[in-house]
Amino acid sequence: MKNTLKIILLICILTLSNSCRTQKNAESDSVSELPKELFQRWKLEYGMANGEKISGLPKSPNNDYEFKRNGEYLLYNEDETFMTGTWNYNSDEKIIYTKRDDGEINGKIADFKAKSITLIPAGKSVEGTPFENFRFYYVPKTE
């Protein structure tokens, strides 16, 4: 009886271990689909709302994003302090979702290239509001 329990326990541990490893490999595979240039600091170039350019947006470093390979992003304030959040890539949709620290989706990046990314506000806080029509265009911060 004890041997049977030990064998069952060992099988459960090995299955769980393999499952975690498979999920981690799947996540790293999807990250490898992303251009390596994504993992840098991005500054806000301009914004659009309903097809019109938004004036008066804050200049860099305020609203700079920096994406880390570990699934974290930094959102910089004017004084170089920053807020953190997480991101994940949905390889089926080809979209990067950004989330606040509380896990709430706050944006998505549906267009990312080596020289530009487009951030679209998303989540419960913008659904049904004019912010759904906003687009923010970022370029690499070179200075």
C-alpha atoms as a PDB file:
ATOM      1  CA  MET A   1       0.000   0.000   0.000  1.00  0.00           C
ATOM      2  CA  LYS A   2       2.789   2.444   0.931  1.00  0.00           C
ATOM      3  CA  ASN A   3       4.656   1.667  -2.275  1.00  0.00           C
ATOM      4  CA  THR A   4       1.531   2.294  -4.330  1.00  0.00           C
ATOM      5  CA  LEU A   5       1.033   5.689  -2.673  1.00  0.00           C
ATOM      6  CA  LYS A   6       4.683   6.585  -3.243  1.00  0.00           C
ATOM      7  CA  ILE A   7       4.411   5.637  -6.920  1.00  0.00           C
ATOM      8  CA  ILE A   8       1.212   7.673  -7.347  1.00  0.00           C
ATOM      9  CA  LEU A   9       2.797  10.649  -5.584  1.00  0.00           C
ATOM     10  CA  LEU A  10       5.915  10.378  -7.765  1.00  0.00           C
ATOM     11  CA  ILE A  11       3.799  10.230 -10.930  1.00  0.00           C
ATOM     12  CA  CYS A  12       1.841  13.321  -9.822  1.00  0.00           C
ATOM     13  CA  ILE A  13       5.048  15.262  -9.112  1.00  0.00           C
ATOM     14  CA  LEU A  14       6.605  14.291 -12.448  1.00  0.00           C
ATOM     15  CA  THR A  15       3.419  15.165 -14.345  1.00  0.00           C
ATOM     16  CA  LEU A  16       3.163  18.558 -12.640  1.00  0.00           C
ATOM     17  CA  SER A  17       6.842  19.260 -13.241  1.00  0.00           C
ATOM     18  CA  ASN A  18       6.561  18.388 -16.927  1.00  0.00           C
ATOM     19  CA  SER A  19       3.403  20.471 -17.286  1.00  0.00           C
ATOM     20  CA  CYS A  20       5.114  23.558 -15.830  1.00  0.00           C
ATOM     21  CA  ARG A  21       8.141  23.060 -18.082  1.00  0.00           C
ATOM     22  CA  THR A  22       5.924  22.722 -21.173  1.00  0.00           C
ATOM     23  CA  GLN A  23       4.054  25.938 -20.348  1.00  0.00           C
ATOM     24  CA  LYS A  24       7.331  27.811 -19.772  1.00  0.00           C
ATOM     25  CA  ASN A  25       8.690  26.585 -23.115  1.00  0.00           C
ATOM     26  CA  ALA A  26       5.472  27.661 -24.871  1.00  0.00           C
ATOM     27  CA  GLU A  27       5.776  31.133 -23.347  1.00  0.00           C
ATOM     28  CA  SER A  28       9.420  31.486 -24.344  1.00  0.00           C
ATOM     29  CA  ASP A  29       8.591  30.235 -27.861  1.00  0.00           C
ATOM     30  CA  SER A  30       5.932  32.938 -28.263  1.00  0.00           C
ATOM     31  CA  VAL A  31       8.368  35.592 -26.994  1.00  0.00           C
ATOM     32  CA  SER A  32      10.867  34.430 -29.602  1.00  0.00           C
ATOM     33  CA  GLU A  33       8.285  35.391 -32.269  1.00  0.00           C
ATOM     34  CA  LEU A  34       8.593  39.030 -31.197  1.00  0.00           C
ATOM     35  CA  PRO A  35      11.200  41.318 -32.752  1.00  0.00           C
ATOM     36  CA  LYS A  36      14.188  41.713 -30.433  1.00  0.00           C
ATOM     37  CA  GLU A  37      13.858  45.489 -30.839  1.00  0.00           C
ATOM     38  CA  LEU A  38      10.679  45.390 -28.743  1.00  0.00           C
ATOM     39  CA  PHE A  39      12.811  44.964 -25.633  1.00  0.00           C
ATOM     40  CA  GLN A  40      13.987  48.548 -25.288  1.00  0.00           C
ATOM     41  CA  ARG A  41      12.689  51.922 -24.174  1.00  0.00           C
ATOM     42  CA  TRP A  42      10.002  53.561 -26.323  1.00  0.00           C
ATOM     43  CA  LYS A  43       9.002  57.216 -26.333  1.00  0.00           C
ATOM     44  CA  LEU A  44       5.602  58.580 -27.270  1.00  0.00           C
ATOM     45  CA  GLU A  45       5.766  60.204 -30.694  1.00  0.00           C
ATOM     46  CA  TYR A  46       2.102  61.182 -31.136  1.00  0.00           C
ATOM     47  CA  GLY A  47      -1.461  60.106 -30.466  1.00  0.00           C
ATOM     48  CA  MET A  48      -4.582  59.909 -32.587  1.00  0.00           C
ATOM     49  CA  ALA A  49      -8.249  60.032 -31.604  1.00  0.00           C
ATOM     50  CA  ASN A  50     -10.964  59.416 -34.171  1.00  0.00           C
ATOM     51  CA  GLY A  51      -8.447  59.949 -36.963  1.00  0.00           C
ATOM     52  CA  GLU A  52      -7.168  63.293 -35.658  1.00  0.00           C
ATOM     53  CA  LYS A  53      -3.794  63.990 -34.088  1.00  0.00           C
ATOM     54  CA  ILE A  54      -3.921  64.744 -30.371  1.00  0.00           C
ATOM     55  CA  SER A  55      -2.091  67.895 -29.338  1.00  0.00           C
ATOM     56  CA  GLY A  56      -0.515  68.556 -25.958  1.00  0.00           C
ATOM     57  CA  LEU A  57       0.662  65.037 -25.165  1.00  0.00           C
ATOM     58  CA  PRO A  58       3.483  64.820 -22.614  1.00  0.00           C
ATOM     59  CA  LYS A  59       7.019  64.633 -23.986  1.00  0.00           C
ATOM     60  CA  SER A  60       9.617  62.012 -23.147  1.00  0.00           C
ATOM     61  CA  PRO A  61      10.451  60.757 -20.527  1.00  0.00           C
ATOM     62  CA  ASN A  62       6.831  61.019 -19.352  1.00  0.00           C
ATOM     63  CA  ASN A  63       4.889  58.018 -20.743  1.00  0.00           C
ATOM     64  CA  ASP A  64       7.983  56.157 -22.004  1.00  0.00           C
ATOM     65  CA  TYR A  65       7.534  52.382 -22.007  1.00  0.00           C
ATOM     66  CA  GLU A  66      10.272  49.828 -21.566  1.00  0.00           C
ATOM     67  CA  PHE A  67       9.505  46.175 -22.207  1.00  0.00           C
ATOM     68  CA  LYS A  68      11.540  43.482 -20.461  1.00  0.00           C
ATOM     69  CA  ARG A  69      11.952  39.902 -21.691  1.00  0.00           C
ATOM     70  CA  ASN A  70      10.684  38.590 -18.352  1.00  0.00           C
ATOM     71  CA  GLY A  71       7.122  39.788 -19.076  1.00  0.00           C
ATOM     72  CA  GLU A  72       7.411  43.056 -17.156  1.00  0.00           C
ATOM     73  CA  TYR A  73       7.142  46.595 -18.458  1.00  0.00           C
ATOM     74  CA  LEU A  74       8.080  49.940 -16.964  1.00  0.00           C
ATOM     75  CA  LEU A  75       6.035  53.099 -17.563  1.00  0.00           C
ATOM     76  CA  TYR A  76       8.172  56.145 -16.834  1.00  0.00           C
ATOM     77  CA  ASN A  77       7.140  59.365 -15.149  1.00  0.00           C
ATOM     78  CA  GLU A  78       8.648  62.779 -15.893  1.00  0.00           C
ATOM     79  CA  ASP A  79      11.103  62.462 -12.968  1.00  0.00           C
ATOM     80  CA  GLU A  80      12.388  59.064 -14.233  1.00  0.00           C
ATOM     81  CA  THR A  81      10.497  57.130 -11.566  1.00  0.00           C
ATOM     82  CA  PHE A  82       8.304  54.434 -13.029  1.00  0.00           C
ATOM     83  CA  MET A  83       5.290  52.227 -12.538  1.00  0.00           C
ATOM     84  CA  THR A  84       5.463  48.544 -13.337  1.00  0.00           C
ATOM     85  CA  GLY A  85       3.091  46.181 -15.016  1.00  0.00           C
ATOM     86  CA  THR A  86       3.173  42.950 -16.933  1.00  0.00           C
ATOM     87  CA  TRP A  87       2.689  42.058 -20.556  1.00  0.00           C
ATOM     88  CA  ASN A  88       1.972  38.854 -22.398  1.00  0.00           C
ATOM     89  CA  TYR A  89       1.936  37.961 -26.050  1.00  0.00           C
ATOM     90  CA  ASN A  90      -0.971  36.110 -27.615  1.00  0.00           C
ATOM     91  CA  SER A  91       0.618  34.398 -30.601  1.00  0.00           C
ATOM     92  CA  ASP A  92      -2.766  33.393 -32.074  1.00  0.00           C
ATOM     93  CA  GLU A  93      -3.996  37.002 -32.149  1.00  0.00           C
ATOM     94  CA  LYS A  94      -0.515  38.517 -32.711  1.00  0.00           C
ATOM     95  CA  ILE A  95      -1.268  40.997 -29.913  1.00  0.00           C
ATOM     96  CA  ILE A  96       0.671  42.026 -26.822  1.00  0.00           C
ATOM     97  CA  TYR A  97      -1.588  42.726 -23.833  1.00  0.00           C
ATOM     98  CA  THR A  98      -0.370  45.050 -21.083  1.00  0.00           C
ATOM     99  CA  LYS A  99      -1.688  44.725 -17.551  1.00  0.00           C
ATOM    100  CA  ARG A 100      -1.424  46.830 -14.447  1.00  0.00           C
ATOM    101  CA  ASP A 101       0.060  45.276 -11.338  1.00  0.00           C
ATOM    102  CA  ASP A 102      -3.443  44.317 -10.213  1.00  0.00           C
ATOM    103  CA  GLY A 103      -3.817  42.133 -13.346  1.00  0.00           C
ATOM    104  CA  GLU A 104      -6.335  44.395 -15.089  1.00  0.00           C
ATOM    105  CA  ILE A 105      -5.694  44.725 -18.855  1.00  0.00           C
ATOM    106  CA  ASN A 106      -4.991  48.364 -19.659  1.00  0.00           C
ATOM    107  CA  GLY A 107      -3.726  48.229 -23.225  1.00  0.00           C
ATOM    108  CA  LYS A 108      -2.824  46.198 -26.244  1.00  0.00           C
ATOM    109  CA  ILE A 109      -0.183  46.482 -28.881  1.00  0.00           C
ATOM    110  CA  ALA A 110      -1.506  45.138 -32.141  1.00  0.00           C
ATOM    111  CA  ASP A 111       1.107  46.692 -34.399  1.00  0.00           C
ATOM    112  CA  PHE A 112       4.755  46.277 -33.473  1.00  0.00           C
ATOM    113  CA  LYS A 113       7.754  46.690 -35.687  1.00  0.00           C
ATOM    114  CA  ALA A 114      11.453  47.281 -35.137  1.00  0.00           C
ATOM    115  CA  LYS A 115      10.981  51.058 -35.416  1.00  0.00           C
ATOM    116  CA  SER A 116       7.466  51.598 -34.019  1.00  0.00           C
ATOM    117  CA  ILE A 117       4.733  50.227 -31.783  1.00  0.00           C
ATOM    118  CA  THR A 118       1.101  51.260 -31.497  1.00  0.00           C
ATOM    119  CA  LEU A 119      -0.565  51.151 -28.085  1.00  0.00           C
ATOM    120  CA  ILE A 120      -4.365  50.975 -27.910  1.00  0.00           C
ATOM    121  CA  PRO A 121      -6.038  51.602 -24.538  1.00  0.00           C
ATOM    122  CA  ALA A 122      -8.086  48.550 -23.549  1.00  0.00           C
ATOM    123  CA  GLY A 123      -9.833  46.909 -20.658  1.00  0.00           C
ATOM    124  CA  LYS A 124     -12.879  47.527 -18.525  1.00  0.00           C
ATOM    125  CA  SER A 125     -11.912  51.106 -17.695  1.00  0.00           C
ATOM    126  CA  VAL A 126     -12.050  52.222 -21.357  1.00  0.00           C
ATOM    127  CA  GLU A 127     -14.824  50.022 -22.752  1.00  0.00           C
ATOM    128  CA  GLY A 128     -17.661  52.190 -23.988  1.00  0.00           C
ATOM    129  CA  THR A 129     -15.678  55.426 -23.596  1.00  0.00           C
ATOM    130  CA  PRO A 130     -14.035  57.675 -26.200  1.00  0.00           C
ATOM    131  CA  PHE A 131     -10.654  56.209 -25.149  1.00  0.00           C
ATOM    132  CA  GLU A 132     -11.484  53.114 -27.211  1.00  0.00           C
ATOM    133  CA  ASN A 133     -10.752  55.237 -30.297  1.00  0.00           C
ATOM    134  CA  PHE A 134      -7.336  56.435 -29.105  1.00  0.00           C
ATOM    135  CA  ARG A 135      -4.056  55.178 -30.590  1.00  0.00           C
ATOM    136  CA  PHE A 136      -0.630  56.066 -29.249  1.00  0.00           C
ATOM    137  CA  TYR A 137       2.391  55.733 -31.510  1.00  0.00           C
ATOM    138  CA  TYR A 138       5.822  55.077 -30.028  1.00  0.00           C
ATOM    139  CA  VAL A 139       9.326  55.086 -31.489  1.00  0.00           C
ATOM    140  CA  PRO A 140      12.587  53.862 -29.964  1.00  0.00           C
ATOM    141  CA  LYS A 141      14.115  56.296 -27.496  1.00  0.00           C
ATOM    142  CA  THR A 142      17.595  56.958 -28.825  1.00  0.00           C
ATOM    143  CA  GLU A 143      18.841  59.817 -26.642  1.00  0.00           C
END
